[in-house]
Amino acid sequence: MTTGTLDSIPITVGREEDGHWWADVASMPGVMVYGQSREEAIGAVRALALRVAADCLDHGEQVPEPLARIFSIA
């Protein structure tokens, strides 16, 4: 299994007309957040992606890509 890091997750970032930033992980539907700054949005979307992965583990579901490459699950 190829491993990665949280920093290796592809994140798309943009800015709204009102100045708010958004970030999402396109490969994980629903993993999208807004922030006051670019850095805040990126940090928040990484945290949300980890929460989604933890929820999958808690429910015995497969961890979505690209997070499955980060965790070594036996």
Protein backbone atom coordinates (compact mmCIF):
# COMPACT_ATOMS: atom_id res chain seq x y z
CA MET A 1 0.00 0.00 0.00
CA THR A 2 1.28 3.45 -0.90
CA THR A 3 1.36 5.74 2.10
CA GLY A 4 1.05 9.50 2.21
CA THR A 5 0.65 12.33 4.63
CA LEU A 6 -2.19 14.66 5.45
CA ASP A 7 -0.36 17.30 3.42
CA SER A 8 -0.54 15.04 0.34
CA ILE A 9 -4.35 15.14 0.18
CA PRO A 10 -5.39 17.17 -2.89
CA ILE A 11 -7.32 20.22 -1.71
CA THR A 12 -9.01 22.77 -3.94
CA VAL A 13 -9.11 26.31 -2.57
CA GLY A 14 -11.02 29.36 -3.76
CA ARG A 15 -12.21 32.75 -2.66
CA GLU A 16 -15.77 34.07 -2.73
CA GLU A 17 -16.66 37.59 -3.82
CA ASP A 18 -17.31 38.52 -0.18
CA GLY A 19 -13.72 37.62 0.73
CA HIS A 20 -14.40 34.29 2.46
CA TRP A 21 -12.21 31.37 1.48
CA TRP A 22 -13.45 27.83 0.79
CA ALA A 23 -11.57 24.57 0.59
CA ASP A 24 -12.71 21.10 -0.40
CA VAL A 25 -11.44 17.61 -0.98
CA ALA A 26 -13.04 16.75 -4.33
CA SER A 27 -12.52 13.01 -3.87
CA MET A 28 -14.57 13.12 -0.64
CA PRO A 29 -18.09 14.43 -1.35
CA GLY A 30 -19.33 16.76 1.36
CA VAL A 31 -15.86 17.57 2.69
CA MET A 32 -15.96 21.33 2.09
CA VAL A 33 -15.57 24.26 4.47
CA TYR A 34 -15.39 28.05 4.56
CA GLY A 35 -12.88 30.13 6.47
CA GLN A 36 -11.88 33.73 7.08
CA SER A 37 -8.43 33.05 5.58
CA ARG A 38 -6.93 30.59 3.13
CA GLU A 39 -4.99 28.89 5.92
CA GLU A 40 -8.08 28.60 8.12
CA ALA A 41 -10.07 26.97 5.31
CA ILE A 42 -7.28 24.49 4.54
CA GLY A 43 -6.83 23.55 8.20
CA ALA A 44 -10.56 23.12 8.67
CA VAL A 45 -11.00 20.93 5.58
CA ARG A 46 -8.12 18.69 6.68
CA ALA A 47 -9.74 18.34 10.12
CA LEU A 48 -13.11 17.52 8.53
CA ALA A 49 -11.51 14.90 6.28
CA LEU A 50 -9.99 13.24 9.36
CA ARG A 51 -13.35 13.29 11.15
CA VAL A 52 -14.98 11.62 8.14
CA ALA A 53 -12.27 8.95 8.14
CA ALA A 54 -12.68 8.39 11.89
CA ASP A 55 -16.44 8.07 11.47
CA CYS A 56 -15.91 5.45 8.76
CA LEU A 57 -13.61 3.48 11.05
CA ASP A 58 -16.10 3.72 13.92
CA HIS A 59 -18.81 2.25 11.71
CA GLY A 60 -16.69 -0.44 10.07
CA GLU A 61 -16.82 1.29 6.69
CA GLN A 62 -14.00 1.70 4.20
CA VAL A 63 -11.95 4.87 4.67
CA PRO A 64 -12.32 7.00 1.54
CA GLU A 65 -9.42 7.81 -0.73
CA PRO A 66 -7.12 9.63 -0.37
CA LEU A 67 -7.11 9.08 3.41
CA ALA A 68 -6.90 5.31 3.02
CA ARG A 69 -3.32 5.82 1.80
CA ILE A 70 -2.43 7.64 5.02
CA PHE A 71 -3.73 5.09 7.51
CA SER A 72 -2.28 1.60 7.79
CA ILE A 73 -5.34 -0.35 8.84
CA ALA A 74 -4.96 -4.04 9.63
